[in-house]
Amino acid sequence: MELEIRDLATEELPAAGGVAGRALADSPTFRWVLGDHAIPRVGGSLDVFVPFVSAMPPPQLGAFLGSHVVGVAAAAAPGACIGAVATEELRTPPAVIGPLGDDSRTLLVWSLFCGHDLDERHWHVGPVSVEPGLQGAGIGGALLEALCARMDTDGEVAWLETDKPENVVFYRRHGFDVVEEVVAPDPARYPTFGDSAPDEVPFTTWFMRRDPR
């Protein structure tokens, strides 16, 4: 069975969101927010990414094995990313977010992304994800190559954030450069969640930019 990279149809977007939810549930950010227990963490990740990707307007890129979505490289259009459409609450500066309850870690993450969004016109890339059992097979690279080619053709700037050093290497191979590296505030300021305590090691976010070629 051959891999196919093509635009996702509207009805295929929820499946692509499911791929992203499963792939990103193990990220340092989700572990920091939701803890080490797999069931609440994967469930929380799916709760974020299935509706998020489902609501993204076309075109969005997917990787397919037959009719099955096994990868996604999505991007929010200029003026439609988190920094442009966020509520006032999500714009709260991370430094002033305190122990507001169980949602404070989630609020801090969104605030971090909003506060570091690029001011100029850009496409905000993400999620870029591959089904966990197929990672390392070149699918993510094929997806990102196709997405970057689209950015180049249209003369568009691409912007993203990632929380793993190996992802920084991956994106650099496709022309992205690190603009800023940010370590989240002291986790001791934020509440934990019973027996599913989040990691107490602050996560790092790398913000990366790619200019059209």
C-alpha atoms as a PDB file:
ATOM      1  CA  MET A   1       0.000   0.000   0.000  1.00  0.00           C
ATOM      2  CA  GLU A   2       1.461   3.350  -1.047  1.00  0.00           C
ATOM      3  CA  LEU A   3       1.448   6.527   0.975  1.00  0.00           C
ATOM      4  CA  GLU A   4      -0.582   9.394  -0.486  1.00  0.00           C
ATOM      5  CA  ILE A   5      -0.248  13.058   0.481  1.00  0.00           C
ATOM      6  CA  ARG A   6      -3.293  15.141  -0.418  1.00  0.00           C
ATOM      7  CA  ASP A   7      -5.725  17.712   0.892  1.00  0.00           C
ATOM      8  CA  LEU A   8      -8.119  16.449   3.529  1.00  0.00           C
ATOM      9  CA  ALA A   9     -11.813  16.459   2.720  1.00  0.00           C
ATOM     10  CA  THR A  10     -14.043  18.103   5.317  1.00  0.00           C
ATOM     11  CA  GLU A  11     -15.336  14.738   6.514  1.00  0.00           C
ATOM     12  CA  GLU A  12     -11.762  13.498   6.991  1.00  0.00           C
ATOM     13  CA  LEU A  13     -10.746  16.316   9.357  1.00  0.00           C
ATOM     14  CA  PRO A  14     -11.969  14.602  12.575  1.00  0.00           C
ATOM     15  CA  ALA A  15      -9.864  11.530  11.785  1.00  0.00           C
ATOM     16  CA  ALA A  16      -6.861  13.796  11.231  1.00  0.00           C
ATOM     17  CA  GLY A  17      -7.549  15.433  14.578  1.00  0.00           C
ATOM     18  CA  GLY A  18      -7.577  11.989  16.155  1.00  0.00           C
ATOM     19  CA  VAL A  19      -4.129  11.284  14.721  1.00  0.00           C
ATOM     20  CA  ALA A  20      -2.874  14.552  16.226  1.00  0.00           C
ATOM     21  CA  GLY A  21      -4.495  13.798  19.582  1.00  0.00           C
ATOM     22  CA  ARG A  22      -2.848  10.396  19.859  1.00  0.00           C
ATOM     23  CA  ALA A  23       0.513  11.602  18.587  1.00  0.00           C
ATOM     24  CA  LEU A  24       0.782  14.684  20.789  1.00  0.00           C
ATOM     25  CA  ALA A  25      -0.616  13.252  24.027  1.00  0.00           C
ATOM     26  CA  ASP A  26       2.897  12.250  25.052  1.00  0.00           C
ATOM     27  CA  SER A  27       4.400  15.687  24.449  1.00  0.00           C
ATOM     28  CA  PRO A  28       6.140  17.508  27.327  1.00  0.00           C
ATOM     29  CA  THR A  29       3.438  20.177  27.267  1.00  0.00           C
ATOM     30  CA  PHE A  30       0.559  17.722  27.680  1.00  0.00           C
ATOM     31  CA  ARG A  31       2.447  15.845  30.378  1.00  0.00           C
ATOM     32  CA  TRP A  32       3.005  19.119  32.228  1.00  0.00           C
ATOM     33  CA  VAL A  33      -0.682  20.026  31.966  1.00  0.00           C
ATOM     34  CA  LEU A  34      -2.404  16.651  32.398  1.00  0.00           C
ATOM     35  CA  GLY A  35       0.059  14.367  34.181  1.00  0.00           C
ATOM     36  CA  ASP A  36       1.506  10.916  33.550  1.00  0.00           C
ATOM     37  CA  HIS A  37      -1.650   8.795  33.577  1.00  0.00           C
ATOM     38  CA  ALA A  38      -2.297   7.799  29.967  1.00  0.00           C
ATOM     39  CA  ILE A  39      -6.107   7.677  29.983  1.00  0.00           C
ATOM     40  CA  PRO A  40      -6.805  11.273  31.129  1.00  0.00           C
ATOM     41  CA  ARG A  41      -3.860  12.590  29.148  1.00  0.00           C
ATOM     42  CA  VAL A  42      -4.796  10.935  25.840  1.00  0.00           C
ATOM     43  CA  GLY A  43      -8.445  11.770  26.414  1.00  0.00           C
ATOM     44  CA  GLY A  44      -7.567  15.397  27.065  1.00  0.00           C
ATOM     45  CA  SER A  45      -5.379  15.553  23.977  1.00  0.00           C
ATOM     46  CA  LEU A  46      -8.153  14.116  21.817  1.00  0.00           C
ATOM     47  CA  ASP A  47     -10.590  16.603  23.339  1.00  0.00           C
ATOM     48  CA  VAL A  48      -8.304  19.409  22.159  1.00  0.00           C
ATOM     49  CA  PHE A  49      -7.256  18.258  18.709  1.00  0.00           C
ATOM     50  CA  VAL A  50     -10.321  16.542  17.238  1.00  0.00           C
ATOM     51  CA  PRO A  51     -12.510  19.679  17.398  1.00  0.00           C
ATOM     52  CA  PHE A  52      -9.536  21.951  16.689  1.00  0.00           C
ATOM     53  CA  VAL A  53      -8.606  20.235  13.413  1.00  0.00           C
ATOM     54  CA  SER A  54     -12.252  19.617  12.502  1.00  0.00           C
ATOM     55  CA  ALA A  55     -12.873  23.373  12.570  1.00  0.00           C
ATOM     56  CA  MET A  56      -9.885  24.309  10.391  1.00  0.00           C
ATOM     57  CA  PRO A  57     -10.912  25.539   6.940  1.00  0.00           C
ATOM     58  CA  PRO A  58      -9.428  23.948   3.812  1.00  0.00           C
ATOM     59  CA  PRO A  59      -6.927  23.293   2.484  1.00  0.00           C
ATOM     60  CA  GLN A  60      -5.305  21.067   5.117  1.00  0.00           C
ATOM     61  CA  LEU A  61      -2.827  18.330   4.233  1.00  0.00           C
ATOM     62  CA  GLY A  62      -3.206  14.696   5.219  1.00  0.00           C
ATOM     63  CA  ALA A  63      -1.216  11.495   4.726  1.00  0.00           C
ATOM     64  CA  PHE A  64      -3.197   8.426   3.724  1.00  0.00           C
ATOM     65  CA  LEU A  65      -2.698   4.686   3.593  1.00  0.00           C
ATOM     66  CA  GLY A  66      -5.622   3.688   1.430  1.00  0.00           C
ATOM     67  CA  SER A  67      -8.602   5.498   2.906  1.00  0.00           C
ATOM     68  CA  HIS A  68      -7.029   5.775   6.363  1.00  0.00           C
ATOM     69  CA  VAL A  69      -5.677   9.100   7.656  1.00  0.00           C
ATOM     70  CA  VAL A  70      -2.263   8.442   9.230  1.00  0.00           C
ATOM     71  CA  GLY A  71      -0.791  11.938   9.302  1.00  0.00           C
ATOM     72  CA  VAL A  72      -1.712  15.594   9.226  1.00  0.00           C
ATOM     73  CA  ALA A  73       0.079  18.881   8.515  1.00  0.00           C
ATOM     74  CA  ALA A  74      -2.407  21.631   9.271  1.00  0.00           C
ATOM     75  CA  ALA A  75      -1.951  25.385   9.244  1.00  0.00           C
ATOM     76  CA  ALA A  76      -4.136  28.306  10.320  1.00  0.00           C
ATOM     77  CA  ALA A  77      -4.478  31.020   7.698  1.00  0.00           C
ATOM     78  CA  PRO A  78      -3.265  34.596   8.284  1.00  0.00           C
ATOM     79  CA  GLY A  79      -5.572  36.288  10.768  1.00  0.00           C
ATOM     80  CA  ALA A  80      -7.047  33.003  11.999  1.00  0.00           C
ATOM     81  CA  CYS A  81      -4.396  31.633  14.378  1.00  0.00           C
ATOM     82  CA  ILE A  82      -4.502  31.672  18.170  1.00  0.00           C
ATOM     83  CA  GLY A  83      -2.776  35.021  18.511  1.00  0.00           C
ATOM     84  CA  ALA A  84      -5.368  36.707  16.289  1.00  0.00           C
ATOM     85  CA  VAL A  85      -8.581  35.151  17.612  1.00  0.00           C
ATOM     86  CA  ALA A  86      -7.802  34.531  21.294  1.00  0.00           C
ATOM     87  CA  THR A  87     -10.113  35.788  24.004  1.00  0.00           C
ATOM     88  CA  GLU A  88      -8.938  38.387  26.506  1.00  0.00           C
ATOM     89  CA  GLU A  89      -8.484  35.622  29.114  1.00  0.00           C
ATOM     90  CA  LEU A  90      -6.114  33.711  26.833  1.00  0.00           C
ATOM     91  CA  ARG A  91      -4.053  36.865  26.386  1.00  0.00           C
ATOM     92  CA  THR A  92      -3.235  37.025  30.114  1.00  0.00           C
ATOM     93  CA  PRO A  93       0.575  37.325  30.379  1.00  0.00           C
ATOM     94  CA  PRO A  94       2.065  34.037  31.649  1.00  0.00           C
ATOM     95  CA  ALA A  95       3.980  35.836  34.414  1.00  0.00           C
ATOM     96  CA  VAL A  96       0.780  36.967  36.127  1.00  0.00           C
ATOM     97  CA  ILE A  97      -1.174  33.713  35.892  1.00  0.00           C
ATOM     98  CA  GLY A  98      -1.328  32.281  39.381  1.00  0.00           C
ATOM     99  CA  PRO A  99      -2.945  29.296  41.101  1.00  0.00           C
ATOM    100  CA  LEU A 100      -6.424  29.874  39.657  1.00  0.00           C
ATOM    101  CA  GLY A 101      -7.542  26.264  39.919  1.00  0.00           C
ATOM    102  CA  ASP A 102      -7.189  23.218  37.721  1.00  0.00           C
ATOM    103  CA  ASP A 103      -7.321  25.271  34.511  1.00  0.00           C
ATOM    104  CA  SER A 104      -4.331  27.487  35.304  1.00  0.00           C
ATOM    105  CA  ARG A 105      -1.788  25.275  33.553  1.00  0.00           C
ATOM    106  CA  THR A 106      -3.929  25.121  30.418  1.00  0.00           C
ATOM    107  CA  LEU A 107      -4.381  28.888  30.517  1.00  0.00           C
ATOM    108  CA  LEU A 108      -0.644  29.385  30.867  1.00  0.00           C
ATOM    109  CA  VAL A 109       0.064  27.304  27.739  1.00  0.00           C
ATOM    110  CA  TRP A 110      -2.440  29.218  25.590  1.00  0.00           C
ATOM    111  CA  SER A 111      -1.182  32.498  27.008  1.00  0.00           C
ATOM    112  CA  LEU A 112       2.379  31.521  26.125  1.00  0.00           C
ATOM    113  CA  PHE A 113       1.384  30.787  22.524  1.00  0.00           C
ATOM    114  CA  CYS A 114      -0.643  34.005  22.204  1.00  0.00           C
ATOM    115  CA  GLY A 115       2.097  36.146  23.654  1.00  0.00           C
ATOM    116  CA  HIS A 116       4.682  34.850  21.208  1.00  0.00           C
ATOM    117  CA  ASP A 117       2.572  34.820  18.067  1.00  0.00           C
ATOM    118  CA  LEU A 118       4.153  36.577  15.094  1.00  0.00           C
ATOM    119  CA  ASP A 119       2.813  40.095  14.511  1.00  0.00           C
ATOM    120  CA  GLU A 120       3.269  40.109  10.752  1.00  0.00           C
ATOM    121  CA  ARG A 121       1.225  38.120   8.222  1.00  0.00           C
ATOM    122  CA  HIS A 122       1.924  34.388   8.516  1.00  0.00           C
ATOM    123  CA  TRP A 123       0.485  30.890   8.411  1.00  0.00           C
ATOM    124  CA  HIS A 124       0.558  29.268  11.847  1.00  0.00           C
ATOM    125  CA  VAL A 125       1.639  25.666  11.314  1.00  0.00           C
ATOM    126  CA  GLY A 126       0.265  22.853  13.441  1.00  0.00           C
ATOM    127  CA  PRO A 127      -0.575  20.283  14.337  1.00  0.00           C
ATOM    128  CA  VAL A 128       1.982  18.324  12.313  1.00  0.00           C
ATOM    129  CA  SER A 129       1.493  14.761  13.504  1.00  0.00           C
ATOM    130  CA  VAL A 130       1.865  11.139  12.450  1.00  0.00           C
ATOM    131  CA  GLU A 131       0.109   8.081  13.834  1.00  0.00           C
ATOM    132  CA  PRO A 132       2.361   6.888  16.706  1.00  0.00           C
ATOM    133  CA  GLY A 133       2.953   3.438  15.201  1.00  0.00           C
ATOM    134  CA  LEU A 134       4.209   4.982  11.949  1.00  0.00           C
ATOM    135  CA  GLN A 135       6.523   7.669  13.276  1.00  0.00           C
ATOM    136  CA  GLY A 136      10.030   7.482  11.851  1.00  0.00           C
ATOM    137  CA  ALA A 137       8.820   6.181   8.475  1.00  0.00           C
ATOM    138  CA  GLY A 138       9.254   9.493   6.634  1.00  0.00           C
ATOM    139  CA  ILE A 139       5.577  10.456   6.684  1.00  0.00           C
ATOM    140  CA  GLY A 140       6.059  13.632   8.690  1.00  0.00           C
ATOM    141  CA  GLY A 141       8.846  14.747   6.383  1.00  0.00           C
ATOM    142  CA  ALA A 142       6.701  14.146   3.298  1.00  0.00           C
ATOM    143  CA  LEU A 143       3.854  16.139   4.826  1.00  0.00           C
ATOM    144  CA  LEU A 144       6.036  19.058   5.856  1.00  0.00           C
ATOM    145  CA  GLU A 145       7.789  19.119   2.478  1.00  0.00           C
ATOM    146  CA  ALA A 146       4.409  19.441   0.766  1.00  0.00           C
ATOM    147  CA  LEU A 147       3.291  22.148   3.175  1.00  0.00           C
ATOM    148  CA  CYS A 148       6.503  24.141   2.756  1.00  0.00           C
ATOM    149  CA  ALA A 149       6.225  23.879  -1.025  1.00  0.00           C
ATOM    150  CA  ARG A 150       2.771  25.429  -0.744  1.00  0.00           C
ATOM    151  CA  MET A 151       4.173  28.240   1.421  1.00  0.00           C
ATOM    152  CA  ASP A 152       6.923  28.865  -1.127  1.00  0.00           C
ATOM    153  CA  THR A 153       4.513  28.966  -4.068  1.00  0.00           C
ATOM    154  CA  ASP A 154       2.303  31.481  -2.280  1.00  0.00           C
ATOM    155  CA  GLY A 155       5.211  33.498  -0.862  1.00  0.00           C
ATOM    156  CA  GLU A 156       4.036  33.037   2.727  1.00  0.00           C
ATOM    157  CA  VAL A 157       5.850  33.091   6.073  1.00  0.00           C
ATOM    158  CA  ALA A 158       5.309  30.024   8.285  1.00  0.00           C
ATOM    159  CA  TRP A 159       5.415  30.074  12.100  1.00  0.00           C
ATOM    160  CA  LEU A 160       5.158  27.307  14.675  1.00  0.00           C
ATOM    161  CA  GLU A 161       5.954  26.239  18.209  1.00  0.00           C
ATOM    162  CA  THR A 162       7.299  22.893  19.368  1.00  0.00           C
ATOM    163  CA  ASP A 163       8.337  21.396  22.707  1.00  0.00           C
ATOM    164  CA  LYS A 164      10.836  18.657  21.814  1.00  0.00           C
ATOM    165  CA  PRO A 165      14.506  19.137  20.864  1.00  0.00           C
ATOM    166  CA  GLU A 166      14.226  16.419  18.207  1.00  0.00           C
ATOM    167  CA  ASN A 167      11.364  18.339  16.613  1.00  0.00           C
ATOM    168  CA  VAL A 168      13.569  21.419  16.423  1.00  0.00           C
ATOM    169  CA  VAL A 169      16.056  19.369  14.389  1.00  0.00           C
ATOM    170  CA  PHE A 170      13.238  18.055  12.182  1.00  0.00           C
ATOM    171  CA  TYR A 171      11.841  21.500  11.425  1.00  0.00           C
ATOM    172  CA  ARG A 172      15.297  22.947  10.811  1.00  0.00           C
ATOM    173  CA  ARG A 173      15.780  20.388   8.051  1.00  0.00           C
ATOM    174  CA  HIS A 174      12.799  21.975   6.327  1.00  0.00           C
ATOM    175  CA  GLY A 175      14.008  25.549   6.606  1.00  0.00           C
ATOM    176  CA  PHE A 176      12.620  26.687   9.955  1.00  0.00           C
ATOM    177  CA  ASP A 177      14.827  28.714  12.295  1.00  0.00           C
ATOM    178  CA  VAL A 178      14.482  29.119  16.055  1.00  0.00           C
ATOM    179  CA  VAL A 179      13.433  32.676  16.916  1.00  0.00           C
ATOM    180  CA  GLU A 180      13.009  32.218  20.658  1.00  0.00           C
ATOM    181  CA  GLU A 181      13.327  29.518  23.322  1.00  0.00           C
ATOM    182  CA  VAL A 182      11.055  29.909  26.346  1.00  0.00           C
ATOM    183  CA  VAL A 183      11.001  27.889  29.571  1.00  0.00           C
ATOM    184  CA  ALA A 184       7.616  27.829  31.320  1.00  0.00           C
ATOM    185  CA  PRO A 185       7.402  29.421  34.790  1.00  0.00           C
ATOM    186  CA  ASP A 186       8.046  27.502  37.984  1.00  0.00           C
ATOM    187  CA  PRO A 187       5.534  24.618  38.097  1.00  0.00           C
ATOM    188  CA  ALA A 188       5.263  24.901  41.872  1.00  0.00           C
ATOM    189  CA  ARG A 189       3.001  27.935  41.323  1.00  0.00           C
ATOM    190  CA  TYR A 190       0.338  25.802  39.658  1.00  0.00           C
ATOM    191  CA  PRO A 191      -1.999  23.203  41.166  1.00  0.00           C
ATOM    192  CA  THR A 192      -1.631  19.507  40.517  1.00  0.00           C
ATOM    193  CA  PHE A 193      -4.399  17.034  39.861  1.00  0.00           C
ATOM    194  CA  GLY A 194      -4.703  14.485  42.654  1.00  0.00           C
ATOM    195  CA  ASP A 195      -3.006  11.201  41.882  1.00  0.00           C
ATOM    196  CA  SER A 196      -2.353  12.293  38.286  1.00  0.00           C
ATOM    197  CA  ALA A 197       0.137  14.993  39.194  1.00  0.00           C
ATOM    198  CA  PRO A 198       1.689  16.772  36.204  1.00  0.00           C
ATOM    199  CA  ASP A 199       5.424  16.842  35.681  1.00  0.00           C
ATOM    200  CA  GLU A 200       7.195  19.246  38.014  1.00  0.00           C
ATOM    201  CA  VAL A 201       9.856  20.015  35.426  1.00  0.00           C
ATOM    202  CA  PRO A 202       9.025  23.161  33.406  1.00  0.00           C
ATOM    203  CA  PHE A 203       8.539  22.466  29.713  1.00  0.00           C
ATOM    204  CA  THR A 204      10.451  24.352  27.017  1.00  0.00           C
ATOM    205  CA  THR A 205       8.849  25.835  23.910  1.00  0.00           C
ATOM    206  CA  TRP A 206      10.789  26.701  20.775  1.00  0.00           C
ATOM    207  CA  PHE A 207       9.195  29.266  18.463  1.00  0.00           C
ATOM    208  CA  MET A 208      10.295  28.806  14.852  1.00  0.00           C
ATOM    209  CA  ARG A 209       9.943  30.778  11.625  1.00  0.00           C
ATOM    210  CA  ARG A 210      10.352  29.906   7.962  1.00  0.00           C
ATOM    211  CA  ASP A 211      10.523  32.519   5.196  1.00  0.00           C
ATOM    212  CA  PRO A 212       9.405  31.525   1.676  1.00  0.00           C
ATOM    213  CA  ARG A 213      12.050  30.289  -0.711  1.00  0.00           C
END
